[in-house]
Amino acid sequence: MKSILCYGDSNTFGYNPSDGMRYPVNVRWTGVLQELLGNDYRVIEEGCNGRTTIYDDMLEPWKNGLSYLRPCLNTHKPLDIVILMLGSNDLKDCFHLSAEEIAQGAGTLVDVINEFTKEKQGFIPKVILVAPPEIGEKLETSPFYGNFSMDSIARSKEFPKYYAAVAKEKGCIFLNAAEFIKASDEDSLHLTAEAHGVLAEKLCDIIKSLNYYMA
């Protein structure tokens, strides 16, 4: 059985933009991915609302994705694949970050994954680096407007360019989520149930294509 760690923010947690609750396990992309892959894989959910790449939220510093990454990797080892989808929360005005800086933060996480797993489990998992979907155009009507300004929309559109460059540099598999899913109209940040299913299908295709190399 191969183990897949899904490390992300609220869109990995499964935040439902319609009611602020959590989608059921069979709706979340992680749960759908488990169903699609079957019993030869173990899909591990590690999504946290508000998680950043490497930056401390002054109100909730425990949401820093870097500080929790090593304990998480050690808890779930051995890992064959890590799916990393973080960066949307780094667009908050309080961080004052460019898309390039956010992508570099994701690259730091990839470095930690590679170095830590090599030491602790003896081999490096395949890393799928996902550029998060764009912030939606209806942000001004979102309950999250204020934390995110309209400028975050433009910066989110730059994610694919910089995430692709990081993936190439670090030897990751790259997936641009914005090519096939978008944020909901309800809050311009979180995915619809349909988008969760599409994301799972795209990731499933990538993972199944790795079978030859992971045999």
N, C-alpha and C. Protein backbone atom coordinates (compact mmCIF):
# COMPACT_ATOMS: atom_id res chain seq x y z
N MET A 1 0.84 -1.20 0.00
CA MET A 1 0.00 0.00 0.00
C MET A 1 0.87 1.25 0.00
N LYS A 2 0.55 2.21 -0.85
CA LYS A 2 1.30 3.45 -0.92
C LYS A 2 0.56 4.55 -0.16
N SER A 3 1.30 5.38 0.55
CA SER A 3 0.71 6.43 1.39
C SER A 3 0.89 7.79 0.73
N ILE A 4 -0.19 8.56 0.74
CA ILE A 4 -0.21 9.89 0.12
C ILE A 4 -0.62 10.91 1.17
N LEU A 5 0.27 11.85 1.45
CA LEU A 5 -0.03 12.93 2.38
C LEU A 5 -0.54 14.14 1.61
N CYS A 6 -1.71 14.65 1.99
CA CYS A 6 -2.29 15.83 1.36
C CYS A 6 -2.16 16.99 2.34
N TYR A 7 -1.22 17.88 2.08
CA TYR A 7 -0.87 18.94 3.02
C TYR A 7 -1.32 20.28 2.44
N GLY A 8 -2.31 20.89 3.12
CA GLY A 8 -2.86 22.11 2.56
C GLY A 8 -3.63 22.95 3.56
N ASP A 9 -4.48 23.80 3.02
CA ASP A 9 -5.24 24.74 3.84
C ASP A 9 -6.72 24.36 3.85
N SER A 10 -7.59 25.36 3.87
CA SER A 10 -9.03 25.08 3.99
C SER A 10 -9.60 24.33 2.80
N ASN A 11 -8.98 24.48 1.63
CA ASN A 11 -9.46 23.75 0.46
C ASN A 11 -9.01 22.29 0.47
N THR A 12 -8.10 21.94 1.35
CA THR A 12 -7.78 20.53 1.60
C THR A 12 -8.60 20.02 2.79
N PHE A 13 -8.83 20.90 3.76
CA PHE A 13 -9.72 20.57 4.88
C PHE A 13 -11.13 20.27 4.40
N GLY A 14 -11.57 21.00 3.38
CA GLY A 14 -12.91 20.79 2.85
C GLY A 14 -13.92 21.82 3.31
N TYR A 15 -13.49 23.07 3.48
CA TYR A 15 -14.38 24.15 3.92
C TYR A 15 -15.48 24.37 2.88
N ASN A 16 -16.72 24.36 3.37
CA ASN A 16 -17.89 24.55 2.51
C ASN A 16 -18.27 26.03 2.48
N PRO A 17 -18.13 26.70 1.34
CA PRO A 17 -18.41 28.14 1.28
C PRO A 17 -19.88 28.49 1.46
N SER A 18 -20.75 27.53 1.33
CA SER A 18 -22.18 27.80 1.48
C SER A 18 -22.61 27.99 2.92
N ASP A 19 -21.95 27.28 3.86
CA ASP A 19 -22.39 27.35 5.25
C ASP A 19 -21.24 27.46 6.26
N GLY A 20 -20.00 27.48 5.78
CA GLY A 20 -18.86 27.59 6.67
C GLY A 20 -18.52 26.32 7.42
N MET A 21 -19.20 25.23 7.11
CA MET A 21 -18.93 23.96 7.75
C MET A 21 -17.95 23.16 6.89
N ARG A 22 -17.88 21.86 7.10
CA ARG A 22 -16.96 21.01 6.36
C ARG A 22 -17.73 20.06 5.47
N TYR A 23 -17.29 19.95 4.21
CA TYR A 23 -17.90 18.96 3.33
C TYR A 23 -17.74 17.55 3.90
N PRO A 24 -18.68 16.66 3.62
CA PRO A 24 -18.52 15.26 4.04
C PRO A 24 -17.29 14.64 3.38
N VAL A 25 -16.80 13.58 3.98
CA VAL A 25 -15.58 12.96 3.49
C VAL A 25 -15.71 12.51 2.04
N ASN A 26 -16.89 12.09 1.61
CA ASN A 26 -17.05 11.60 0.25
C ASN A 26 -17.21 12.73 -0.77
N VAL A 27 -17.18 13.98 -0.30
CA VAL A 27 -17.24 15.15 -1.18
C VAL A 27 -15.87 15.82 -1.27
N ARG A 28 -15.14 15.82 -0.17
CA ARG A 28 -13.81 16.44 -0.16
C ARG A 28 -12.91 15.78 -1.20
N TRP A 29 -12.04 16.57 -1.83
CA TRP A 29 -11.20 15.99 -2.88
C TRP A 29 -10.32 14.87 -2.34
N THR A 30 -9.93 14.97 -1.10
CA THR A 30 -9.12 13.90 -0.50
C THR A 30 -9.91 12.60 -0.40
N GLY A 31 -11.17 12.71 0.00
CA GLY A 31 -12.01 11.52 0.09
C GLY A 31 -12.34 10.94 -1.26
N VAL A 32 -12.61 11.81 -2.23
CA VAL A 32 -12.89 11.34 -3.59
C VAL A 32 -11.65 10.66 -4.17
N LEU A 33 -10.48 11.26 -3.90
CA LEU A 33 -9.23 10.67 -4.39
C LEU A 33 -9.04 9.26 -3.82
N GLN A 34 -9.35 9.09 -2.55
CA GLN A 34 -9.24 7.76 -1.94
C GLN A 34 -10.15 6.76 -2.65
N GLU A 35 -11.36 7.17 -2.94
CA GLU A 35 -12.30 6.28 -3.63
C GLU A 35 -11.80 5.93 -5.02
N LEU A 36 -11.25 6.91 -5.72
CA LEU A 36 -10.77 6.67 -7.09
C LEU A 36 -9.55 5.76 -7.11
N LEU A 37 -8.67 5.90 -6.14
CA LEU A 37 -7.44 5.12 -6.13
C LEU A 37 -7.63 3.72 -5.57
N GLY A 38 -8.57 3.56 -4.65
CA GLY A 38 -8.85 2.25 -4.10
C GLY A 38 -7.91 1.84 -2.97
N ASN A 39 -7.97 0.57 -2.64
CA ASN A 39 -7.31 0.06 -1.43
C ASN A 39 -5.79 -0.08 -1.54
N ASP A 40 -5.24 0.15 -2.72
CA ASP A 40 -3.79 0.09 -2.85
C ASP A 40 -3.11 1.36 -2.35
N TYR A 41 -3.93 2.35 -1.99
CA TYR A 41 -3.40 3.64 -1.53
C TYR A 41 -4.07 4.03 -0.23
N ARG A 42 -3.33 4.79 0.58
CA ARG A 42 -3.88 5.39 1.79
C ARG A 42 -3.73 6.90 1.66
N VAL A 43 -4.85 7.60 1.56
CA VAL A 43 -4.84 9.05 1.41
C VAL A 43 -5.00 9.69 2.79
N ILE A 44 -4.03 10.51 3.17
CA ILE A 44 -4.00 11.12 4.50
C ILE A 44 -4.34 12.59 4.39
N GLU A 45 -5.41 13.01 5.08
CA GLU A 45 -5.85 14.41 5.06
C GLU A 45 -5.09 15.22 6.11
N GLU A 46 -4.45 16.28 5.67
CA GLU A 46 -3.80 17.21 6.60
C GLU A 46 -4.07 18.64 6.10
N GLY A 47 -5.34 19.03 6.12
CA GLY A 47 -5.74 20.38 5.75
C GLY A 47 -6.11 21.18 6.98
N CYS A 48 -5.70 22.44 7.01
CA CYS A 48 -5.99 23.31 8.15
C CYS A 48 -6.45 24.66 7.63
N ASN A 49 -7.62 25.11 8.08
CA ASN A 49 -8.12 26.41 7.67
C ASN A 49 -7.11 27.51 8.03
N GLY A 50 -6.79 28.36 7.08
CA GLY A 50 -5.91 29.48 7.32
C GLY A 50 -4.42 29.17 7.26
N ARG A 51 -4.06 27.95 6.95
CA ARG A 51 -2.63 27.60 6.94
C ARG A 51 -1.89 28.37 5.84
N THR A 52 -0.70 28.85 6.19
CA THR A 52 0.18 29.54 5.25
C THR A 52 1.30 28.60 4.82
N THR A 53 2.18 29.12 3.97
CA THR A 53 3.37 28.34 3.61
C THR A 53 4.37 28.38 4.77
N ILE A 54 5.02 29.53 4.95
CA ILE A 54 6.08 29.61 5.97
C ILE A 54 5.92 30.83 6.88
N TYR A 55 4.78 31.48 6.83
CA TYR A 55 4.61 32.76 7.54
C TYR A 55 3.68 32.63 8.74
N ASP A 56 4.02 33.39 9.79
CA ASP A 56 3.22 33.40 11.01
C ASP A 56 2.08 34.41 10.89
N ASP A 57 0.86 33.92 11.07
CA ASP A 57 -0.29 34.80 11.28
C ASP A 57 -0.18 35.32 12.71
N MET A 58 -0.16 36.63 12.90
CA MET A 58 0.05 37.18 14.23
C MET A 58 -1.01 36.74 15.22
N LEU A 59 -2.24 36.50 14.74
CA LEU A 59 -3.32 36.09 15.63
C LEU A 59 -3.32 34.58 15.87
N GLU A 60 -2.87 33.83 14.87
CA GLU A 60 -2.88 32.36 14.96
C GLU A 60 -1.58 31.80 14.39
N PRO A 61 -0.46 31.99 15.08
CA PRO A 61 0.84 31.57 14.54
C PRO A 61 0.96 30.06 14.34
N TRP A 62 0.12 29.29 14.98
CA TRP A 62 0.17 27.84 14.84
C TRP A 62 -0.30 27.36 13.46
N LYS A 63 -0.77 28.30 12.64
CA LYS A 63 -1.18 27.93 11.29
C LYS A 63 -0.05 28.04 10.27
N ASN A 64 1.15 28.28 10.75
CA ASN A 64 2.32 28.30 9.88
C ASN A 64 2.60 26.89 9.35
N GLY A 65 2.57 26.73 8.04
CA GLY A 65 2.74 25.40 7.46
C GLY A 65 4.12 24.82 7.65
N LEU A 66 5.11 25.66 7.86
CA LEU A 66 6.46 25.17 8.06
C LEU A 66 6.64 24.56 9.44
N SER A 67 6.10 25.19 10.46
CA SER A 67 6.33 24.73 11.83
C SER A 67 5.69 23.36 12.09
N TYR A 68 4.61 23.04 11.38
CA TYR A 68 3.94 21.76 11.60
C TYR A 68 4.41 20.67 10.64
N LEU A 69 5.15 21.05 9.61
CA LEU A 69 5.45 20.09 8.54
C LEU A 69 6.28 18.91 9.01
N ARG A 70 7.36 19.14 9.72
CA ARG A 70 8.21 18.02 10.16
C ARG A 70 7.47 17.05 11.08
N PRO A 71 6.76 17.54 12.11
CA PRO A 71 5.99 16.59 12.92
C PRO A 71 4.98 15.79 12.10
N CYS A 72 4.38 16.45 11.13
CA CYS A 72 3.39 15.79 10.28
C CYS A 72 4.04 14.68 9.45
N LEU A 73 5.16 14.99 8.84
CA LEU A 73 5.87 14.00 8.03
C LEU A 73 6.31 12.81 8.89
N ASN A 74 6.76 13.11 10.09
CA ASN A 74 7.24 12.05 10.97
C ASN A 74 6.09 11.17 11.48
N THR A 75 4.94 11.79 11.69
CA THR A 75 3.78 11.06 12.18
C THR A 75 3.29 10.04 11.17
N HIS A 76 3.33 10.41 9.90
CA HIS A 76 2.69 9.58 8.87
C HIS A 76 3.67 8.76 8.03
N LYS A 77 4.95 8.82 8.35
CA LYS A 77 5.94 8.06 7.56
C LYS A 77 5.69 6.56 7.67
N PRO A 78 6.06 5.78 6.64
CA PRO A 78 6.69 6.23 5.41
C PRO A 78 5.67 6.76 4.40
N LEU A 79 6.07 7.78 3.68
CA LEU A 79 5.20 8.42 2.69
C LEU A 79 5.78 8.22 1.30
N ASP A 80 4.91 7.88 0.37
CA ASP A 80 5.33 7.68 -1.02
C ASP A 80 5.09 8.92 -1.88
N ILE A 81 4.04 9.68 -1.53
CA ILE A 81 3.67 10.87 -2.30
C ILE A 81 3.23 11.95 -1.32
N VAL A 82 3.62 13.18 -1.58
CA VAL A 82 3.11 14.33 -0.84
C VAL A 82 2.48 15.30 -1.84
N ILE A 83 1.22 15.62 -1.62
CA ILE A 83 0.52 16.63 -2.42
C ILE A 83 0.52 17.91 -1.60
N LEU A 84 1.13 18.95 -2.14
CA LEU A 84 1.28 20.21 -1.43
C LEU A 84 0.49 21.30 -2.16
N MET A 85 -0.54 21.83 -1.50
CA MET A 85 -1.33 22.91 -2.09
C MET A 85 -1.54 24.00 -1.03
N LEU A 86 -0.62 24.95 -1.02
CA LEU A 86 -0.66 26.06 -0.08
C LEU A 86 -0.28 27.36 -0.80
N GLY A 87 -0.71 28.48 -0.23
CA GLY A 87 -0.33 29.78 -0.80
C GLY A 87 -1.45 30.79 -0.81
N SER A 88 -2.69 30.32 -0.84
CA SER A 88 -3.82 31.26 -0.91
C SER A 88 -3.86 32.20 0.28
N ASN A 89 -3.62 31.66 1.47
CA ASN A 89 -3.68 32.50 2.68
C ASN A 89 -2.52 33.49 2.77
N ASP A 90 -1.44 33.20 2.06
CA ASP A 90 -0.30 34.11 2.02
C ASP A 90 -0.64 35.40 1.26
N LEU A 91 -1.76 35.37 0.53
CA LEU A 91 -2.21 36.56 -0.20
C LEU A 91 -2.88 37.59 0.69
N LYS A 92 -3.11 37.27 1.96
CA LYS A 92 -3.74 38.22 2.87
C LYS A 92 -2.91 39.50 2.95
N ASP A 93 -3.59 40.61 3.10
CA ASP A 93 -2.92 41.91 3.13
C ASP A 93 -1.87 42.01 4.23
N CYS A 94 -2.08 41.33 5.33
CA CYS A 94 -1.16 41.46 6.46
C CYS A 94 0.25 40.97 6.15
N PHE A 95 0.39 40.12 5.13
CA PHE A 95 1.70 39.56 4.81
C PHE A 95 2.47 40.38 3.78
N HIS A 96 1.77 41.13 2.94
CA HIS A 96 2.42 42.00 1.94
C HIS A 96 3.38 41.20 1.04
N LEU A 97 2.92 40.09 0.51
CA LEU A 97 3.77 39.20 -0.27
C LEU A 97 3.41 39.21 -1.74
N SER A 98 4.41 39.08 -2.58
CA SER A 98 4.18 38.91 -4.01
C SER A 98 3.92 37.43 -4.30
N ALA A 99 3.40 37.13 -5.48
CA ALA A 99 3.19 35.75 -5.88
C ALA A 99 4.51 34.99 -5.93
N GLU A 100 5.55 35.65 -6.34
CA GLU A 100 6.86 35.01 -6.40
C GLU A 100 7.35 34.64 -5.00
N GLU A 101 7.18 35.54 -4.04
CA GLU A 101 7.60 35.26 -2.67
C GLU A 101 6.79 34.10 -2.08
N ILE A 102 5.52 34.05 -2.40
CA ILE A 102 4.67 32.96 -1.89
C ILE A 102 5.12 31.62 -2.48
N ALA A 103 5.40 31.61 -3.77
CA ALA A 103 5.88 30.39 -4.42
C ALA A 103 7.21 29.95 -3.82
N GLN A 104 8.07 30.90 -3.49
CA GLN A 104 9.34 30.56 -2.85
C GLN A 104 9.10 29.94 -1.47
N GLY A 105 8.07 30.42 -0.77
CA GLY A 105 7.70 29.80 0.50
C GLY A 105 7.29 28.35 0.31
N ALA A 106 6.52 28.08 -0.74
CA ALA A 106 6.16 26.70 -1.05
C ALA A 106 7.41 25.88 -1.36
N GLY A 107 8.37 26.51 -2.03
CA GLY A 107 9.62 25.82 -2.33
C GLY A 107 10.40 25.46 -1.09
N THR A 108 10.35 26.32 -0.07
CA THR A 108 10.98 26.01 1.20
C THR A 108 10.36 24.74 1.81
N LEU A 109 9.05 24.62 1.71
CA LEU A 109 8.39 23.42 2.22
C LEU A 109 8.83 22.17 1.46
N VAL A 110 8.99 22.31 0.16
CA VAL A 110 9.47 21.17 -0.63
C VAL A 110 10.86 20.75 -0.17
N ASP A 111 11.72 21.72 0.09
CA ASP A 111 13.06 21.41 0.58
C ASP A 111 13.01 20.64 1.89
N VAL A 112 12.13 21.06 2.79
CA VAL A 112 11.98 20.38 4.08
C VAL A 112 11.48 18.95 3.87
N ILE A 113 10.49 18.80 3.00
CA ILE A 113 9.98 17.45 2.71
C ILE A 113 11.11 16.54 2.23
N ASN A 114 11.90 17.03 1.28
CA ASN A 114 12.98 16.22 0.71
C ASN A 114 14.05 15.88 1.75
N GLU A 115 14.48 16.88 2.49
CA GLU A 115 15.57 16.67 3.44
C GLU A 115 15.12 15.81 4.63
N PHE A 116 13.93 16.09 5.14
CA PHE A 116 13.47 15.40 6.34
C PHE A 116 13.13 13.94 6.05
N THR A 117 12.44 13.69 4.95
CA THR A 117 12.07 12.30 4.64
C THR A 117 13.29 11.47 4.29
N LYS A 118 14.28 12.07 3.64
CA LYS A 118 15.51 11.33 3.33
C LYS A 118 16.16 10.85 4.61
N GLU A 119 16.14 11.70 5.63
CA GLU A 119 16.74 11.35 6.92
C GLU A 119 15.88 10.36 7.71
N LYS A 120 14.58 10.62 7.76
CA LYS A 120 13.72 9.89 8.70
C LYS A 120 13.11 8.61 8.13
N GLN A 121 12.96 8.54 6.82
CA GLN A 121 12.37 7.30 6.28
C GLN A 121 13.28 6.65 5.23
N GLY A 122 14.38 7.30 4.90
CA GLY A 122 15.36 6.69 4.02
C GLY A 122 15.15 6.88 2.55
N PHE A 123 14.05 7.52 2.17
CA PHE A 123 13.81 7.83 0.75
C PHE A 123 12.93 9.06 0.66
N ILE A 124 12.97 9.71 -0.49
CA ILE A 124 12.22 10.95 -0.71
C ILE A 124 10.95 10.64 -1.49
N PRO A 125 9.79 11.06 -1.00
CA PRO A 125 8.55 10.82 -1.73
C PRO A 125 8.46 11.69 -2.98
N LYS A 126 7.60 11.28 -3.89
CA LYS A 126 7.26 12.15 -5.00
C LYS A 126 6.45 13.31 -4.45
N VAL A 127 6.76 14.52 -4.89
CA VAL A 127 6.02 15.69 -4.44
C VAL A 127 5.24 16.27 -5.61
N ILE A 128 3.93 16.40 -5.41
CA ILE A 128 3.07 17.07 -6.40
C ILE A 128 2.80 18.47 -5.87
N LEU A 129 3.36 19.47 -6.51
CA LEU A 129 3.17 20.86 -6.11
C LEU A 129 2.01 21.45 -6.90
N VAL A 130 0.96 21.84 -6.19
CA VAL A 130 -0.25 22.36 -6.82
C VAL A 130 -0.30 23.87 -6.66
N ALA A 131 -0.36 24.60 -7.76
CA ALA A 131 -0.60 26.04 -7.70
C ALA A 131 -2.08 26.24 -7.38
N PRO A 132 -2.40 26.91 -6.27
CA PRO A 132 -3.80 27.03 -5.85
C PRO A 132 -4.67 27.75 -6.88
N PRO A 133 -5.97 27.51 -6.84
CA PRO A 133 -6.88 28.22 -7.76
C PRO A 133 -6.87 29.72 -7.49
N GLU A 134 -7.29 30.48 -8.49
CA GLU A 134 -7.31 31.93 -8.38
C GLU A 134 -8.36 32.40 -7.38
N ILE A 135 -8.10 33.54 -6.78
CA ILE A 135 -9.12 34.20 -5.98
C ILE A 135 -10.22 34.71 -6.92
N GLY A 136 -11.47 34.53 -6.54
CA GLY A 136 -12.59 34.87 -7.42
C GLY A 136 -12.82 36.36 -7.57
N GLU A 137 -13.45 36.72 -8.67
CA GLU A 137 -13.68 38.13 -9.01
C GLU A 137 -14.74 38.79 -8.13
N LYS A 138 -15.53 37.99 -7.40
CA LYS A 138 -16.58 38.55 -6.55
C LYS A 138 -16.10 38.74 -5.10
N LEU A 139 -14.81 38.93 -4.94
CA LEU A 139 -14.22 39.03 -3.61
C LEU A 139 -14.85 40.12 -2.75
N GLU A 140 -15.25 41.22 -3.37
CA GLU A 140 -15.80 42.34 -2.60
C GLU A 140 -17.05 41.97 -1.82
N THR A 141 -17.76 40.95 -2.26
CA THR A 141 -18.97 40.50 -1.56
C THR A 141 -18.70 39.31 -0.65
N SER A 142 -17.45 38.90 -0.54
CA SER A 142 -17.07 37.75 0.28
C SER A 142 -16.96 38.14 1.74
N PRO A 143 -17.32 37.24 2.65
CA PRO A 143 -17.11 37.51 4.08
C PRO A 143 -15.63 37.64 4.44
N PHE A 144 -14.76 37.23 3.53
CA PHE A 144 -13.32 37.30 3.79
C PHE A 144 -12.69 38.58 3.22
N TYR A 145 -13.52 39.39 2.57
CA TYR A 145 -13.00 40.66 2.05
C TYR A 145 -12.61 41.55 3.22
N GLY A 146 -11.44 42.12 3.13
CA GLY A 146 -10.87 42.87 4.25
C GLY A 146 -9.58 42.20 4.67
N ASN A 147 -9.63 40.88 4.86
CA ASN A 147 -8.39 40.12 5.02
C ASN A 147 -7.65 40.04 3.69
N PHE A 148 -8.44 39.92 2.63
CA PHE A 148 -7.92 39.89 1.27
C PHE A 148 -8.43 41.13 0.55
N SER A 149 -7.55 41.83 -0.13
CA SER A 149 -7.96 42.99 -0.94
C SER A 149 -8.14 42.55 -2.39
N MET A 150 -8.67 43.44 -3.20
CA MET A 150 -8.88 43.11 -4.61
C MET A 150 -7.55 42.83 -5.32
N ASP A 151 -6.47 43.36 -4.80
CA ASP A 151 -5.15 43.11 -5.38
C ASP A 151 -4.76 41.64 -5.31
N SER A 152 -5.33 40.92 -4.34
CA SER A 152 -4.99 39.50 -4.21
C SER A 152 -5.46 38.69 -5.42
N ILE A 153 -6.47 39.18 -6.11
CA ILE A 153 -6.94 38.47 -7.31
C ILE A 153 -5.84 38.44 -8.36
N ALA A 154 -5.26 39.61 -8.64
CA ALA A 154 -4.20 39.69 -9.64
C ALA A 154 -2.99 38.87 -9.24
N ARG A 155 -2.63 38.90 -7.97
CA ARG A 155 -1.47 38.13 -7.52
C ARG A 155 -1.72 36.64 -7.63
N SER A 156 -2.96 36.21 -7.36
CA SER A 156 -3.26 34.78 -7.46
C SER A 156 -3.15 34.27 -8.90
N LYS A 157 -3.40 35.16 -9.86
CA LYS A 157 -3.29 34.78 -11.27
C LYS A 157 -1.83 34.55 -11.68
N GLU A 158 -0.91 35.02 -10.87
CA GLU A 158 0.52 34.83 -11.16
C GLU A 158 1.08 33.54 -10.56
N PHE A 159 0.28 32.87 -9.75
CA PHE A 159 0.76 31.65 -9.11
C PHE A 159 1.32 30.62 -10.09
N PRO A 160 0.62 30.29 -11.18
CA PRO A 160 1.12 29.22 -12.06
C PRO A 160 2.54 29.46 -12.56
N LYS A 161 2.84 30.68 -12.95
CA LYS A 161 4.17 31.00 -13.46
C LYS A 161 5.25 30.69 -12.43
N TYR A 162 5.06 31.15 -11.22
CA TYR A 162 6.09 31.02 -10.20
C TYR A 162 6.12 29.63 -9.57
N TYR A 163 4.95 29.01 -9.40
CA TYR A 163 4.92 27.66 -8.86
C TYR A 163 5.53 26.67 -9.84
N ALA A 164 5.29 26.87 -11.13
CA ALA A 164 5.88 26.00 -12.14
C ALA A 164 7.40 26.09 -12.10
N ALA A 165 7.92 27.30 -11.90
CA ALA A 165 9.36 27.49 -11.83
C ALA A 165 9.94 26.79 -10.60
N VAL A 166 9.25 26.90 -9.47
CA VAL A 166 9.70 26.22 -8.26
C VAL A 166 9.67 24.70 -8.45
N ALA A 167 8.60 24.21 -9.04
CA ALA A 167 8.49 22.76 -9.27
C ALA A 167 9.62 22.26 -10.15
N LYS A 168 9.95 23.01 -11.17
CA LYS A 168 11.05 22.61 -12.06
C LYS A 168 12.37 22.61 -11.31
N GLU A 169 12.60 23.65 -10.52
CA GLU A 169 13.85 23.77 -9.77
C GLU A 169 14.00 22.64 -8.74
N LYS A 170 12.89 22.28 -8.09
CA LYS A 170 12.94 21.31 -7.00
C LYS A 170 12.68 19.87 -7.45
N GLY A 171 12.37 19.68 -8.71
CA GLY A 171 12.11 18.33 -9.19
C GLY A 171 10.75 17.78 -8.82
N CYS A 172 9.77 18.68 -8.67
CA CYS A 172 8.40 18.27 -8.32
C CYS A 172 7.57 18.02 -9.57
N ILE A 173 6.47 17.34 -9.38
CA ILE A 173 5.42 17.27 -10.39
C ILE A 173 4.54 18.50 -10.19
N PHE A 174 4.22 19.21 -11.26
CA PHE A 174 3.47 20.45 -11.14
C PHE A 174 2.05 20.29 -11.65
N LEU A 175 1.11 20.86 -10.90
CA LEU A 175 -0.28 20.90 -11.34
C LEU A 175 -0.81 22.30 -11.11
N ASN A 176 -1.37 22.89 -12.15
CA ASN A 176 -1.98 24.22 -12.06
C ASN A 176 -3.48 24.05 -11.87
N ALA A 177 -3.94 24.20 -10.64
CA ALA A 177 -5.36 23.98 -10.34
C ALA A 177 -6.26 24.94 -11.10
N ALA A 178 -5.77 26.15 -11.38
CA ALA A 178 -6.59 27.17 -12.04
C ALA A 178 -6.97 26.78 -13.47
N GLU A 179 -6.31 25.80 -14.03
CA GLU A 179 -6.64 25.37 -15.39
C GLU A 179 -8.00 24.70 -15.46
N PHE A 180 -8.47 24.13 -14.35
CA PHE A 180 -9.69 23.34 -14.43
C PHE A 180 -10.67 23.55 -13.29
N ILE A 181 -10.29 24.32 -12.25
CA ILE A 181 -11.25 24.64 -11.19
C ILE A 181 -11.11 26.11 -10.81
N LYS A 182 -12.16 26.62 -10.17
CA LYS A 182 -12.12 28.00 -9.70
C LYS A 182 -12.82 28.09 -8.35
N ALA A 183 -12.59 29.20 -7.66
CA ALA A 183 -13.22 29.41 -6.37
C ALA A 183 -14.72 29.64 -6.56
N SER A 184 -15.49 29.36 -5.53
CA SER A 184 -16.93 29.51 -5.57
C SER A 184 -17.34 30.98 -5.65
N ASP A 185 -18.53 31.23 -6.17
CA ASP A 185 -19.07 32.59 -6.19
C ASP A 185 -19.47 33.05 -4.78
N GLU A 186 -19.72 32.09 -3.87
CA GLU A 186 -20.16 32.45 -2.52
C GLU A 186 -19.13 33.28 -1.77
N ASP A 187 -17.85 32.87 -1.86
CA ASP A 187 -16.85 33.62 -1.09
C ASP A 187 -15.55 33.88 -1.85
N SER A 188 -15.47 33.44 -3.09
CA SER A 188 -14.32 33.70 -3.97
C SER A 188 -13.01 33.07 -3.49
N LEU A 189 -13.10 32.18 -2.51
CA LEU A 189 -11.89 31.54 -1.98
C LEU A 189 -11.99 30.01 -1.95
N HIS A 190 -13.15 29.50 -1.62
CA HIS A 190 -13.27 28.07 -1.38
C HIS A 190 -13.98 27.35 -2.52
N LEU A 191 -13.68 26.07 -2.65
CA LEU A 191 -14.14 25.29 -3.77
C LEU A 191 -15.56 24.76 -3.59
N THR A 192 -16.25 24.64 -4.70
CA THR A 192 -17.55 23.98 -4.71
C THR A 192 -17.34 22.47 -4.61
N ALA A 193 -18.41 21.76 -4.33
CA ALA A 193 -18.34 20.29 -4.28
C ALA A 193 -17.88 19.75 -5.64
N GLU A 194 -18.39 20.33 -6.70
CA GLU A 194 -18.01 19.87 -8.05
C GLU A 194 -16.50 20.06 -8.28
N ALA A 195 -15.97 21.20 -7.85
CA ALA A 195 -14.54 21.45 -8.03
C ALA A 195 -13.69 20.46 -7.25
N HIS A 196 -14.15 20.07 -6.06
CA HIS A 196 -13.43 19.05 -5.30
C HIS A 196 -13.32 17.76 -6.11
N GLY A 197 -14.39 17.38 -6.75
CA GLY A 197 -14.38 16.16 -7.55
C GLY A 197 -13.44 16.25 -8.73
N VAL A 198 -13.43 17.39 -9.39
CA VAL A 198 -12.55 17.57 -10.55
C VAL A 198 -11.09 17.53 -10.12
N LEU A 199 -10.77 18.21 -9.02
CA LEU A 199 -9.39 18.20 -8.53
C LEU A 199 -8.94 16.78 -8.21
N ALA A 200 -9.81 16.01 -7.58
CA ALA A 200 -9.48 14.63 -7.26
C ALA A 200 -9.19 13.82 -8.51
N GLU A 201 -9.98 14.02 -9.54
CA GLU A 201 -9.78 13.28 -10.79
C GLU A 201 -8.44 13.62 -11.43
N LYS A 202 -8.08 14.90 -11.43
CA LYS A 202 -6.81 15.31 -12.03
C LYS A 202 -5.63 14.74 -11.25
N LEU A 203 -5.73 14.77 -9.94
CA LEU A 203 -4.65 14.22 -9.12
C LEU A 203 -4.56 12.71 -9.26
N CYS A 204 -5.70 12.06 -9.38
CA CYS A 204 -5.72 10.61 -9.57
C CYS A 204 -4.99 10.23 -10.86
N ASP A 205 -5.23 10.98 -11.91
CA ASP A 205 -4.55 10.70 -13.18
C ASP A 205 -3.03 10.81 -13.03
N ILE A 206 -2.59 11.84 -12.31
CA ILE A 206 -1.15 12.02 -12.10
C ILE A 206 -0.58 10.85 -11.30
N ILE A 207 -1.27 10.50 -10.22
CA ILE A 207 -0.76 9.45 -9.34
C ILE A 207 -0.71 8.11 -10.06
N LYS A 208 -1.72 7.80 -10.84
CA LYS A 208 -1.72 6.54 -11.57
C LYS A 208 -0.61 6.51 -12.62
N SER A 209 -0.25 7.68 -13.15
CA SER A 209 0.83 7.75 -14.13
C SER A 209 2.19 7.50 -13.48
N LEU A 210 2.25 7.60 -12.15
CA LEU A 210 3.49 7.38 -11.43
C LEU A 210 3.75 5.91 -11.13
N ASN A 211 2.78 5.06 -11.37
CA ASN A 211 2.91 3.66 -11.00
C ASN A 211 4.17 3.03 -11.55
N TYR A 212 4.49 3.35 -12.79
CA TYR A 212 5.67 2.74 -13.44
C TYR A 212 6.94 3.09 -12.66
N TYR A 213 7.01 4.36 -12.23
CA TYR A 213 8.23 4.83 -11.57
C TYR A 213 8.30 4.40 -10.11
N MET A 214 7.15 4.07 -9.52
CA MET A 214 7.11 3.74 -8.09
C MET A 214 7.04 2.23 -7.84
N ALA A 215 7.05 1.46 -8.88
CA ALA A 215 6.90 0.00 -8.72
C ALA A 215 8.06 -0.60 -7.93
